Amino acid sequence: MAAITASMVAELRGKTDAPMMECKKALTEADGDLVRAEEILRVRLGNKASKASARVAAEGVVALDVAADGKTGAIVEVNSETDFVAKNDDFLAFSRKLAGLVSASAPADVAALSAAPLDGGTVESVRTALVGKIGENMSIRRFARIAAQGRLLSYVHGGSKIGVLVDLVGGDDALGRDLAMHIAASKPKALDASGVDAALLETERRVAVEKAREAGKPEAMLEKIAEGTVQKFLKDVTLLGQVFVKAEDGKQTIEQLLKAKGARVASFTLYVVGEGIEKKVADFAAEVAAQAAAARQ
C-alpha cells in the first residue's frame, strides 16, 4: 500500500476542489495513483470533481494575423508574468509582429521563430531587449500557421485572452465570424468525434460505468448507459455537435447550421491564454522571511 502524503492530498484537492477527507479516501483506494483517484472522485462527486482543465492562470495574449485574401493566417500565444505587462503597448506590438512573422515565413518551431529576423536583429534579441525595458520575463509559448482550404475568419475575445481562427469553406464572412465567436464561447475540443482523444473517451466510458454500477443499475445495462454518456459527451465537446450559441430555437447544432448555409468547417484553432498552465501562487510571507534570513547570512 502506497503511503498517502499530505502533498498528494493537496495536489488532488487542487485538481478537483473535493473535500480533503474525500481526496484522502480516493487516494487510499487508488493506492496513491492520482489519475485513478480523480476518476474515483468523479464517480462519487460528479463533474464538479474535475475542474483542473478549466483552470487558466498564466498571463499574456493571443495574437492573430490573417492575409488579406484569407488564405493564410497565424495564431501565437505570448506569455508574461503579470496581466499589467500583457496590456503594455510594446508587449502587444511585439506579439502582433510575431503573428505576422509566423504567417509570412512559416517557422518550424519556437526556436526557429526566435532566430527569425525582426527590427534589425532577431526575435530573441528583441524579446531580450523588451524584457530589460519592461523588467519582467516574457516567453513565446506556442503558435500555429494555417493554410486555408476555404478562407480564414478570426475572433479575439477578453482583451486578447482568447483567439480563434476558423477555416470556412462556403458560406459568408458573417457566418465565419459567428462560428469563431461560438468557438471562443463554447471551447470545443475537436471538430467532430474523430478528433477526440480515444483515451479521453475511454475515461468517460469507465466513469459512466462505475457511476451506474454504484447507483445500482443492472450489469446488463451498464454498457448501454456508458455509450449514451459518451455520445452526450461528444455532443458537448465537438464543434459540429454543439448547439449554436445564437440558435433562435435553442436547439440548432453547428452541423445543422452549416448544412442550412451550404458550408463546412475544414478546421479551427482555439488558443486560450495559459491553458493547461498553473500559475505559481506566491507565499509573500515566506518569501520575505527567506530574504531576511539570506540577508543575515
C-alpha atoms as a PDB file:
ATOM      1  CA  MET A   1       0.000   0.000   0.000  1.00  0.00           C
ATOM      2  CA  ALA A   2       1.448   3.356  -1.044  1.00  0.00           C
ATOM      3  CA  ALA A   3       1.929   5.990   1.648  1.00  0.00           C
ATOM      4  CA  ILE A   4      -0.576   8.822   1.192  1.00  0.00           C
ATOM      5  CA  THR A   5       1.198  12.093   1.956  1.00  0.00           C
ATOM      6  CA  ALA A   6      -0.276  15.496   2.700  1.00  0.00           C
ATOM      7  CA  SER A   7       1.222  16.855  -0.515  1.00  0.00           C
ATOM      8  CA  MET A   8      -0.571  14.163  -2.555  1.00  0.00           C
ATOM      9  CA  VAL A   9      -3.868  15.043  -0.882  1.00  0.00           C
ATOM     10  CA  ALA A  10      -3.254  18.745  -1.528  1.00  0.00           C
ATOM     11  CA  GLU A  11      -2.425  18.104  -5.189  1.00  0.00           C
ATOM     12  CA  LEU A  12      -5.611  16.080  -5.721  1.00  0.00           C
ATOM     13  CA  ARG A  13      -7.664  18.719  -3.934  1.00  0.00           C
ATOM     14  CA  GLY A  14      -6.101  21.396  -6.119  1.00  0.00           C
ATOM     15  CA  LYS A  15      -7.158  19.467  -9.222  1.00  0.00           C
ATOM     16  CA  THR A  16     -10.659  18.593  -8.089  1.00  0.00           C
ATOM     17  CA  ASP A  17     -11.735  21.006  -5.333  1.00  0.00           C
ATOM     18  CA  ALA A  18     -13.088  17.969  -3.472  1.00  0.00           C
ATOM     19  CA  PRO A  19     -13.067  17.861   0.360  1.00  0.00           C
ATOM     20  CA  MET A  20      -9.750  16.838   1.938  1.00  0.00           C
ATOM     21  CA  MET A  21     -11.085  13.637   3.500  1.00  0.00           C
ATOM     22  CA  GLU A  22     -12.675  12.560   0.206  1.00  0.00           C
ATOM     23  CA  CYS A  23      -9.338  13.142  -1.515  1.00  0.00           C
ATOM     24  CA  LYS A  24      -7.508  11.051   1.076  1.00  0.00           C
ATOM     25  CA  LYS A  25     -10.059   8.221   0.793  1.00  0.00           C
ATOM     26  CA  ALA A  26      -9.804   8.238  -3.005  1.00  0.00           C
ATOM     27  CA  LEU A  27      -6.005   8.186  -2.923  1.00  0.00           C
ATOM     28  CA  THR A  28      -6.040   5.319  -0.445  1.00  0.00           C
ATOM     29  CA  GLU A  29      -8.441   3.353  -2.644  1.00  0.00           C
ATOM     30  CA  ALA A  30      -6.319   4.121  -5.718  1.00  0.00           C
ATOM     31  CA  ASP A  31      -3.108   3.125  -3.909  1.00  0.00           C
ATOM     32  CA  GLY A  32      -1.656   6.569  -4.470  1.00  0.00           C
ATOM     33  CA  ASP A  33      -2.461   6.808  -8.198  1.00  0.00           C
ATOM     34  CA  LEU A  34      -3.544  10.443  -8.715  1.00  0.00           C
ATOM     35  CA  VAL A  35      -5.229   9.815 -12.063  1.00  0.00           C
ATOM     36  CA  ARG A  36      -7.230   6.883 -10.738  1.00  0.00           C
ATOM     37  CA  ALA A  37      -8.090   8.832  -7.581  1.00  0.00           C
ATOM     38  CA  GLU A  38      -9.516  11.657  -9.688  1.00  0.00           C
ATOM     39  CA  GLU A  39     -11.698   9.149 -11.538  1.00  0.00           C
ATOM     40  CA  ILE A  40     -12.940   7.761  -8.219  1.00  0.00           C
ATOM     41  CA  LEU A  41     -13.899  11.264  -7.091  1.00  0.00           C
ATOM     42  CA  ARG A  42     -15.735  11.881 -10.361  1.00  0.00           C
ATOM     43  CA  VAL A  43     -17.762   8.723  -9.770  1.00  0.00           C
ATOM     44  CA  ARG A  44     -18.646   9.833  -6.250  1.00  0.00           C
ATOM     45  CA  LEU A  45     -18.972  13.573  -6.682  1.00  0.00           C
ATOM     46  CA  GLY A  46     -19.778  14.071 -10.371  1.00  0.00           C
ATOM     47  CA  ASN A  47     -18.155  16.504 -12.808  1.00  0.00           C
ATOM     48  CA  LYS A  48     -17.619  19.108 -10.095  1.00  0.00           C
ATOM     49  CA  ALA A  49     -14.662  16.954  -9.084  1.00  0.00           C
ATOM     50  CA  SER A  50     -12.832  17.648 -12.341  1.00  0.00           C
ATOM     51  CA  LYS A  51     -12.109  21.350 -12.583  1.00  0.00           C
ATOM     52  CA  ALA A  52      -8.412  21.199 -13.450  1.00  0.00           C
ATOM     53  CA  SER A  53      -8.877  21.505 -17.217  1.00  0.00           C
ATOM     54  CA  ALA A  54     -10.696  24.812 -16.793  1.00  0.00           C
ATOM     55  CA  ARG A  55      -8.059  26.403 -14.561  1.00  0.00           C
ATOM     56  CA  VAL A  56      -6.206  29.038 -16.547  1.00  0.00           C
ATOM     57  CA  ALA A  57      -3.686  31.050 -14.606  1.00  0.00           C
ATOM     58  CA  ALA A  58      -0.805  32.284 -16.790  1.00  0.00           C
ATOM     59  CA  GLU A  59      -0.908  35.812 -18.172  1.00  0.00           C
ATOM     60  CA  GLY A  60      -0.229  37.031 -21.700  1.00  0.00           C
ATOM     61  CA  VAL A  61      -2.033  37.468 -25.004  1.00  0.00           C
ATOM     62  CA  VAL A  62      -3.105  35.631 -28.127  1.00  0.00           C
ATOM     63  CA  ALA A  63      -2.196  37.499 -31.330  1.00  0.00           C
ATOM     64  CA  LEU A  64      -3.648  36.784 -34.787  1.00  0.00           C
ATOM     65  CA  ASP A  65      -2.666  37.604 -38.341  1.00  0.00           C
ATOM     66  CA  VAL A  66      -4.778  36.809 -41.421  1.00  0.00           C
ATOM     67  CA  ALA A  67      -3.747  37.565 -45.016  1.00  0.00           C
ATOM     68  CA  ALA A  68      -5.989  39.937 -46.975  1.00  0.00           C
ATOM     69  CA  ASP A  69      -7.225  37.067 -49.156  1.00  0.00           C
ATOM     70  CA  GLY A  70      -7.961  34.903 -46.127  1.00  0.00           C
ATOM     71  CA  LYS A  71      -5.858  32.052 -47.472  1.00  0.00           C
ATOM     72  CA  THR A  72      -3.181  32.011 -44.776  1.00  0.00           C
ATOM     73  CA  GLY A  73      -3.046  33.076 -41.169  1.00  0.00           C
ATOM     74  CA  ALA A  74      -1.308  32.589 -37.858  1.00  0.00           C
ATOM     75  CA  ILE A  75      -2.098  32.480 -34.160  1.00  0.00           C
ATOM     76  CA  VAL A  76       0.518  32.997 -31.441  1.00  0.00           C
ATOM     77  CA  GLU A  77       0.439  32.857 -27.636  1.00  0.00           C
ATOM     78  CA  VAL A  78       2.979  35.035 -25.820  1.00  0.00           C
ATOM     79  CA  ASN A  79       3.131  34.785 -22.018  1.00  0.00           C
ATOM     80  CA  SER A  80       4.079  37.368 -19.416  1.00  0.00           C
ATOM     81  CA  GLU A  81       4.369  37.245 -15.648  1.00  0.00           C
ATOM     82  CA  THR A  82       1.561  39.714 -14.937  1.00  0.00           C
ATOM     83  CA  ASP A  83      -1.594  40.965 -16.591  1.00  0.00           C
ATOM     84  CA  PHE A  84      -0.224  44.504 -16.279  1.00  0.00           C
ATOM     85  CA  VAL A  85       2.559  43.695 -18.759  1.00  0.00           C
ATOM     86  CA  ALA A  86       0.097  41.832 -21.001  1.00  0.00           C
ATOM     87  CA  LYS A  87      -1.571  45.220 -21.557  1.00  0.00           C
ATOM     88  CA  ASN A  88       1.700  47.038 -22.296  1.00  0.00           C
ATOM     89  CA  ASP A  89       1.746  48.609 -25.781  1.00  0.00           C
ATOM     90  CA  ASP A  90       5.289  47.387 -26.556  1.00  0.00           C
ATOM     91  CA  PHE A  91       4.393  43.847 -25.483  1.00  0.00           C
ATOM     92  CA  LEU A  92       1.230  43.899 -27.621  1.00  0.00           C
ATOM     93  CA  ALA A  93       3.135  45.250 -30.637  1.00  0.00           C
ATOM     94  CA  PHE A  94       5.783  42.538 -30.246  1.00  0.00           C
ATOM     95  CA  SER A  95       3.075  39.852 -30.128  1.00  0.00           C
ATOM     96  CA  ARG A  96       1.396  41.179 -33.271  1.00  0.00           C
ATOM     97  CA  LYS A  97       4.734  41.237 -35.106  1.00  0.00           C
ATOM     98  CA  LEU A  98       5.287  37.596 -34.155  1.00  0.00           C
ATOM     99  CA  ALA A  99       1.916  36.626 -35.626  1.00  0.00           C
ATOM    100  CA  GLY A 100       2.847  38.418 -38.844  1.00  0.00           C
ATOM    101  CA  LEU A 101       6.215  36.638 -38.976  1.00  0.00           C
ATOM    102  CA  VAL A 102       4.629  33.226 -38.474  1.00  0.00           C
ATOM    103  CA  SER A 103       2.077  33.918 -41.193  1.00  0.00           C
ATOM    104  CA  ALA A 104       4.719  35.146 -43.661  1.00  0.00           C
ATOM    105  CA  SER A 105       7.633  32.780 -43.022  1.00  0.00           C
ATOM    106  CA  ALA A 106       6.131  29.600 -41.518  1.00  0.00           C
ATOM    107  CA  PRO A 107       8.880  28.820 -38.963  1.00  0.00           C
ATOM    108  CA  ALA A 108       9.177  25.186 -37.919  1.00  0.00           C
ATOM    109  CA  ASP A 109       9.051  25.744 -34.167  1.00  0.00           C
ATOM    110  CA  VAL A 110       9.553  28.307 -31.402  1.00  0.00           C
ATOM    111  CA  ALA A 111      13.340  28.048 -31.710  1.00  0.00           C
ATOM    112  CA  ALA A 112      13.159  28.849 -35.429  1.00  0.00           C
ATOM    113  CA  LEU A 113      10.813  31.752 -34.762  1.00  0.00           C
ATOM    114  CA  SER A 114      13.166  33.093 -32.082  1.00  0.00           C
ATOM    115  CA  ALA A 115      16.026  33.070 -34.609  1.00  0.00           C
ATOM    116  CA  ALA A 116      13.996  34.854 -37.311  1.00  0.00           C
ATOM    117  CA  PRO A 117      14.980  38.440 -38.253  1.00  0.00           C
ATOM    118  CA  LEU A 118      12.987  41.244 -36.649  1.00  0.00           C
ATOM    119  CA  ASP A 119      13.575  45.004 -36.328  1.00  0.00           C
ATOM    120  CA  GLY A 120      17.253  44.865 -37.269  1.00  0.00           C
ATOM    121  CA  GLY A 121      18.022  41.923 -35.017  1.00  0.00           C
ATOM    122  CA  THR A 122      16.302  38.643 -34.236  1.00  0.00           C
ATOM    123  CA  VAL A 123      13.065  37.849 -32.457  1.00  0.00           C
ATOM    124  CA  GLU A 124      15.136  36.676 -29.493  1.00  0.00           C
ATOM    125  CA  SER A 125      17.193  39.868 -29.326  1.00  0.00           C
ATOM    126  CA  VAL A 126      14.033  41.980 -29.491  1.00  0.00           C
ATOM    127  CA  ARG A 127      12.441  39.844 -26.768  1.00  0.00           C
ATOM    128  CA  THR A 128      15.521  40.175 -24.560  1.00  0.00           C
ATOM    129  CA  ALA A 129      15.615  43.934 -25.012  1.00  0.00           C
ATOM    130  CA  LEU A 130      11.917  44.152 -24.184  1.00  0.00           C
ATOM    131  CA  VAL A 131      12.448  42.108 -21.023  1.00  0.00           C
ATOM    132  CA  GLY A 132      15.167  44.546 -19.992  1.00  0.00           C
ATOM    133  CA  LYS A 133      12.990  47.564 -20.752  1.00  0.00           C
ATOM    134  CA  ILE A 134       9.843  46.321 -19.003  1.00  0.00           C
ATOM    135  CA  GLY A 135      11.600  44.438 -16.220  1.00  0.00           C
ATOM    136  CA  GLU A 136       9.543  41.278 -16.498  1.00  0.00           C
ATOM    137  CA  ASN A 137      10.135  37.982 -18.240  1.00  0.00           C
ATOM    138  CA  MET A 138       8.070  37.029 -21.287  1.00  0.00           C
ATOM    139  CA  SER A 139       8.086  33.955 -23.492  1.00  0.00           C
ATOM    140  CA  ILE A 140       6.728  32.664 -26.771  1.00  0.00           C
ATOM    141  CA  ARG A 141       4.706  29.630 -25.762  1.00  0.00           C
ATOM    142  CA  ARG A 142       3.186  28.288 -28.997  1.00  0.00           C
ATOM    143  CA  PHE A 143       1.971  29.185 -32.458  1.00  0.00           C
ATOM    144  CA  ALA A 144       0.201  27.704 -35.467  1.00  0.00           C
ATOM    145  CA  ARG A 145       0.160  28.679 -39.120  1.00  0.00           C
ATOM    146  CA  ILE A 146      -2.882  27.708 -41.184  1.00  0.00           C
ATOM    147  CA  ALA A 147      -3.176  27.404 -44.952  1.00  0.00           C
ATOM    148  CA  ALA A 148      -6.932  27.519 -45.556  1.00  0.00           C
ATOM    149  CA  GLN A 149      -8.952  25.181 -47.741  1.00  0.00           C
ATOM    150  CA  GLY A 150     -11.574  27.934 -47.903  1.00  0.00           C
ATOM    151  CA  ARG A 151     -10.863  31.220 -46.137  1.00  0.00           C
ATOM    152  CA  LEU A 152      -9.886  32.139 -42.608  1.00  0.00           C
ATOM    153  CA  LEU A 153     -12.113  34.129 -40.255  1.00  0.00           C
ATOM    154  CA  SER A 154     -10.877  35.230 -36.854  1.00  0.00           C
ATOM    155  CA  TYR A 155     -12.089  36.398 -33.466  1.00  0.00           C
ATOM    156  CA  VAL A 156     -10.288  37.708 -30.387  1.00  0.00           C
ATOM    157  CA  HIS A 157     -12.029  37.966 -27.020  1.00  0.00           C
ATOM    158  CA  GLY A 158     -11.396  39.185 -23.495  1.00  0.00           C
ATOM    159  CA  GLY A 159      -8.530  41.575 -24.092  1.00  0.00           C
ATOM    160  CA  SER A 160      -6.736  39.091 -26.361  1.00  0.00           C
ATOM    161  CA  LYS A 161      -7.057  36.254 -23.825  1.00  0.00           C
ATOM    162  CA  ILE A 162      -8.875  34.002 -26.328  1.00  0.00           C
ATOM    163  CA  GLY A 163      -8.137  33.767 -30.048  1.00  0.00           C
ATOM    164  CA  VAL A 164      -9.817  31.725 -32.773  1.00  0.00           C
ATOM    165  CA  LEU A 165      -9.113  31.007 -36.432  1.00  0.00           C
ATOM    166  CA  VAL A 166     -11.774  29.191 -38.484  1.00  0.00           C
ATOM    167  CA  ASP A 167     -11.196  27.728 -41.955  1.00  0.00           C
ATOM    168  CA  LEU A 168     -14.637  28.077 -43.563  1.00  0.00           C
ATOM    169  CA  VAL A 169     -15.492  26.526 -46.935  1.00  0.00           C
ATOM    170  CA  GLY A 170     -18.609  28.110 -48.427  1.00  0.00           C
ATOM    171  CA  GLY A 171     -20.954  30.393 -46.531  1.00  0.00           C
ATOM    172  CA  ASP A 172     -20.127  34.062 -45.936  1.00  0.00           C
ATOM    173  CA  ASP A 173     -17.939  36.129 -43.652  1.00  0.00           C
ATOM    174  CA  ALA A 174     -20.783  36.759 -41.201  1.00  0.00           C
ATOM    175  CA  LEU A 175     -21.173  33.003 -40.726  1.00  0.00           C
ATOM    176  CA  GLY A 176     -17.433  32.626 -40.211  1.00  0.00           C
ATOM    177  CA  ARG A 177     -17.350  35.337 -37.573  1.00  0.00           C
ATOM    178  CA  ASP A 178     -20.340  33.788 -35.790  1.00  0.00           C
ATOM    179  CA  LEU A 179     -18.589  30.421 -35.775  1.00  0.00           C
ATOM    180  CA  ALA A 180     -15.386  31.937 -34.400  1.00  0.00           C
ATOM    181  CA  MET A 181     -17.366  33.651 -31.614  1.00  0.00           C
ATOM    182  CA  HIS A 182     -19.162  30.390 -30.852  1.00  0.00           C
ATOM    183  CA  ILE A 183     -15.840  28.548 -30.561  1.00  0.00           C
ATOM    184  CA  ALA A 184     -14.464  31.201 -28.203  1.00  0.00           C
ATOM    185  CA  ALA A 185     -17.559  30.852 -26.011  1.00  0.00           C
ATOM    186  CA  SER A 186     -18.062  27.074 -26.107  1.00  0.00           C
ATOM    187  CA  LYS A 187     -14.436  25.899 -26.444  1.00  0.00           C
ATOM    188  CA  PRO A 188     -14.921  22.637 -28.361  1.00  0.00           C
ATOM    189  CA  LYS A 189     -12.078  20.130 -28.105  1.00  0.00           C
ATOM    190  CA  ALA A 190     -12.371  18.946 -31.719  1.00  0.00           C
ATOM    191  CA  LEU A 191     -14.310  19.424 -34.939  1.00  0.00           C
ATOM    192  CA  ASP A 192     -16.026  16.035 -34.709  1.00  0.00           C
ATOM    193  CA  ALA A 193     -15.753  12.706 -32.895  1.00  0.00           C
ATOM    194  CA  SER A 194     -12.743  11.590 -34.961  1.00  0.00           C
ATOM    195  CA  GLY A 195     -10.652  14.342 -33.380  1.00  0.00           C
ATOM    196  CA  VAL A 196     -11.375  13.452 -29.754  1.00  0.00           C
ATOM    197  CA  ASP A 197      -8.649  11.564 -27.910  1.00  0.00           C
ATOM    198  CA  ALA A 198      -9.615   7.894 -27.573  1.00  0.00           C
ATOM    199  CA  ALA A 199      -8.155   7.805 -24.053  1.00  0.00           C
ATOM    200  CA  LEU A 200     -10.465  10.654 -23.039  1.00  0.00           C
ATOM    201  CA  LEU A 201     -13.486   8.755 -24.366  1.00  0.00           C
ATOM    202  CA  GLU A 202     -12.398   5.620 -22.531  1.00  0.00           C
ATOM    203  CA  THR A 203     -12.160   7.577 -19.287  1.00  0.00           C
ATOM    204  CA  GLU A 204     -15.684   8.946 -19.776  1.00  0.00           C
ATOM    205  CA  ARG A 205     -16.959   5.443 -20.524  1.00  0.00           C
ATOM    206  CA  ARG A 206     -15.248   3.971 -17.466  1.00  0.00           C
ATOM    207  CA  VAL A 207     -16.546   6.692 -15.137  1.00  0.00           C
ATOM    208  CA  ALA A 208     -20.082   6.255 -16.517  1.00  0.00           C
ATOM    209  CA  VAL A 209     -19.975   2.503 -15.886  1.00  0.00           C
ATOM    210  CA  GLU A 210     -18.783   2.968 -12.305  1.00  0.00           C
ATOM    211  CA  LYS A 211     -21.382   5.657 -11.569  1.00  0.00           C
ATOM    212  CA  ALA A 212     -24.167   3.481 -12.970  1.00  0.00           C
ATOM    213  CA  ARG A 213     -22.917   0.479 -11.003  1.00  0.00           C
ATOM    214  CA  GLU A 214     -22.814   2.476  -7.760  1.00  0.00           C
ATOM    215  CA  ALA A 215     -26.363   3.673  -8.496  1.00  0.00           C
ATOM    216  CA  GLY A 216     -27.461   0.038  -8.552  1.00  0.00           C
ATOM    217  CA  LYS A 217     -28.145  -0.275 -12.278  1.00  0.00           C
ATOM    218  CA  PRO A 218     -28.252  -3.843 -13.673  1.00  0.00           C
ATOM    219  CA  GLU A 219     -24.942  -5.103 -15.108  1.00  0.00           C
ATOM    220  CA  ALA A 220     -26.653  -5.764 -18.445  1.00  0.00           C
ATOM    221  CA  MET A 221     -27.499  -2.064 -18.710  1.00  0.00           C
ATOM    222  CA  LEU A 222     -24.056  -0.653 -17.919  1.00  0.00           C
ATOM    223  CA  GLU A 223     -22.590  -0.638 -21.428  1.00  0.00           C
ATOM    224  CA  LYS A 224     -25.720   0.934 -22.900  1.00  0.00           C
ATOM    225  CA  ILE A 225     -25.682   3.636 -20.223  1.00  0.00           C
ATOM    226  CA  ALA A 226     -21.977   4.249 -20.826  1.00  0.00           C
ATOM    227  CA  GLU A 227     -22.494   4.579 -24.579  1.00  0.00           C
ATOM    228  CA  GLY A 228     -25.239   7.136 -24.023  1.00  0.00           C
ATOM    229  CA  THR A 229     -22.957   9.094 -21.712  1.00  0.00           C
ATOM    230  CA  VAL A 230     -20.142   9.067 -24.273  1.00  0.00           C
ATOM    231  CA  GLN A 231     -22.456  10.267 -27.044  1.00  0.00           C
ATOM    232  CA  LYS A 232     -23.671  13.130 -24.836  1.00  0.00           C
ATOM    233  CA  PHE A 233     -20.064  13.981 -24.026  1.00  0.00           C
ATOM    234  CA  LEU A 234     -19.207  14.076 -27.743  1.00  0.00           C
ATOM    235  CA  LYS A 235     -22.060  16.498 -28.407  1.00  0.00           C
ATOM    236  CA  ASP A 236     -20.691  18.742 -25.678  1.00  0.00           C
ATOM    237  CA  VAL A 237     -17.049  18.751 -26.804  1.00  0.00           C
ATOM    238  CA  THR A 238     -17.229  18.622 -30.622  1.00  0.00           C
ATOM    239  CA  LEU A 239     -17.941  21.737 -32.651  1.00  0.00           C
ATOM    240  CA  LEU A 240     -20.384  20.019 -35.001  1.00  0.00           C
ATOM    241  CA  GLY A 241     -22.312  18.500 -32.100  1.00  0.00           C
ATOM    242  CA  GLN A 242     -22.662  21.677 -30.043  1.00  0.00           C
ATOM    243  CA  VAL A 243     -25.806  23.778 -30.062  1.00  0.00           C
ATOM    244  CA  PHE A 244     -25.100  27.096 -31.804  1.00  0.00           C
ATOM    245  CA  VAL A 245     -24.868  29.861 -29.182  1.00  0.00           C
ATOM    246  CA  LYS A 246     -27.077  32.124 -31.312  1.00  0.00           C
ATOM    247  CA  ALA A 247     -29.633  29.446 -32.270  1.00  0.00           C
ATOM    248  CA  GLU A 248     -33.061  31.082 -32.228  1.00  0.00           C
ATOM    249  CA  ASP A 249     -34.760  27.850 -31.216  1.00  0.00           C
ATOM    250  CA  GLY A 250     -32.054  26.943 -28.702  1.00  0.00           C
ATOM    251  CA  LYS A 251     -31.625  23.578 -30.449  1.00  0.00           C
ATOM    252  CA  GLN A 252     -29.895  24.074 -33.801  1.00  0.00           C
ATOM    253  CA  THR A 253     -26.459  22.462 -33.802  1.00  0.00           C
ATOM    254  CA  ILE A 254     -23.437  23.794 -35.646  1.00  0.00           C
ATOM    255  CA  GLU A 255     -23.698  20.835 -38.016  1.00  0.00           C
ATOM    256  CA  GLN A 256     -27.299  21.773 -38.832  1.00  0.00           C
ATOM    257  CA  LEU A 257     -26.366  25.446 -39.209  1.00  0.00           C
ATOM    258  CA  LEU A 258     -23.595  24.638 -41.684  1.00  0.00           C
ATOM    259  CA  LYS A 259     -25.875  22.351 -43.689  1.00  0.00           C
ATOM    260  CA  ALA A 260     -28.508  25.102 -43.916  1.00  0.00           C
ATOM    261  CA  LYS A 261     -25.859  27.551 -45.151  1.00  0.00           C
ATOM    262  CA  GLY A 262     -24.277  25.131 -47.623  1.00  0.00           C
ATOM    263  CA  ALA A 263     -20.933  25.429 -45.856  1.00  0.00           C
ATOM    264  CA  ARG A 264     -18.457  23.365 -43.881  1.00  0.00           C
ATOM    265  CA  VAL A 265     -15.633  23.965 -41.425  1.00  0.00           C
ATOM    266  CA  ALA A 266     -12.356  22.456 -42.631  1.00  0.00           C
ATOM    267  CA  SER A 267     -10.625  23.153 -39.307  1.00  0.00           C
ATOM    268  CA  PHE A 268     -10.401  25.565 -36.411  1.00  0.00           C
ATOM    269  CA  THR A 269      -7.694  26.634 -33.980  1.00  0.00           C
ATOM    270  CA  LEU A 270      -8.515  27.879 -30.491  1.00  0.00           C
ATOM    271  CA  TYR A 271      -5.955  29.340 -28.083  1.00  0.00           C
ATOM    272  CA  VAL A 272      -6.800  30.345 -24.527  1.00  0.00           C
ATOM    273  CA  VAL A 273      -4.020  32.181 -22.707  1.00  0.00           C
ATOM    274  CA  GLY A 274      -2.428  29.971 -20.080  1.00  0.00           C
ATOM    275  CA  GLU A 275      -4.479  26.905 -20.955  1.00  0.00           C
ATOM    276  CA  GLY A 276      -3.001  23.997 -19.046  1.00  0.00           C
ATOM    277  CA  ILE A 277      -0.568  26.167 -17.091  1.00  0.00           C
ATOM    278  CA  GLU A 278      -0.824  26.558 -13.339  1.00  0.00           C
ATOM    279  CA  LYS A 279       0.470  29.883 -12.054  1.00  0.00           C
ATOM    280  CA  LYS A 280       2.725  29.644  -9.034  1.00  0.00           C
ATOM    281  CA  VAL A 281       0.921  31.141  -6.052  1.00  0.00           C
ATOM    282  CA  ALA A 282       3.409  33.285  -4.174  1.00  0.00           C
ATOM    283  CA  ASP A 283       3.651  32.958  -0.406  1.00  0.00           C
ATOM    284  CA  PHE A 284       4.793  36.522   0.241  1.00  0.00           C
ATOM    285  CA  ALA A 285       5.298  35.996   3.968  1.00  0.00           C
ATOM    286  CA  ALA A 286       7.579  33.037   3.320  1.00  0.00           C
ATOM    287  CA  GLU A 287       9.393  34.944   0.575  1.00  0.00           C
ATOM    288  CA  VAL A 288      10.071  37.917   2.874  1.00  0.00           C
ATOM    289  CA  ALA A 289      11.236  35.578   5.651  1.00  0.00           C
ATOM    290  CA  ALA A 290      13.591  33.796   3.248  1.00  0.00           C
ATOM    291  CA  GLN A 291      15.047  37.073   2.020  1.00  0.00           C
ATOM    292  CA  ALA A 292      15.543  38.297   5.574  1.00  0.00           C
ATOM    293  CA  ALA A 293      17.300  35.034   6.520  1.00  0.00           C
ATOM    294  CA  ALA A 294      19.553  35.332   3.481  1.00  0.00           C
ATOM    295  CA  ALA A 295      20.431  38.910   4.390  1.00  0.00           C
ATOM    296  CA  ARG A 296      21.554  37.826   7.880  1.00  0.00           C
ATOM    297  CA  GLN A 297      23.972  35.237   6.490  1.00  0.00           C
END
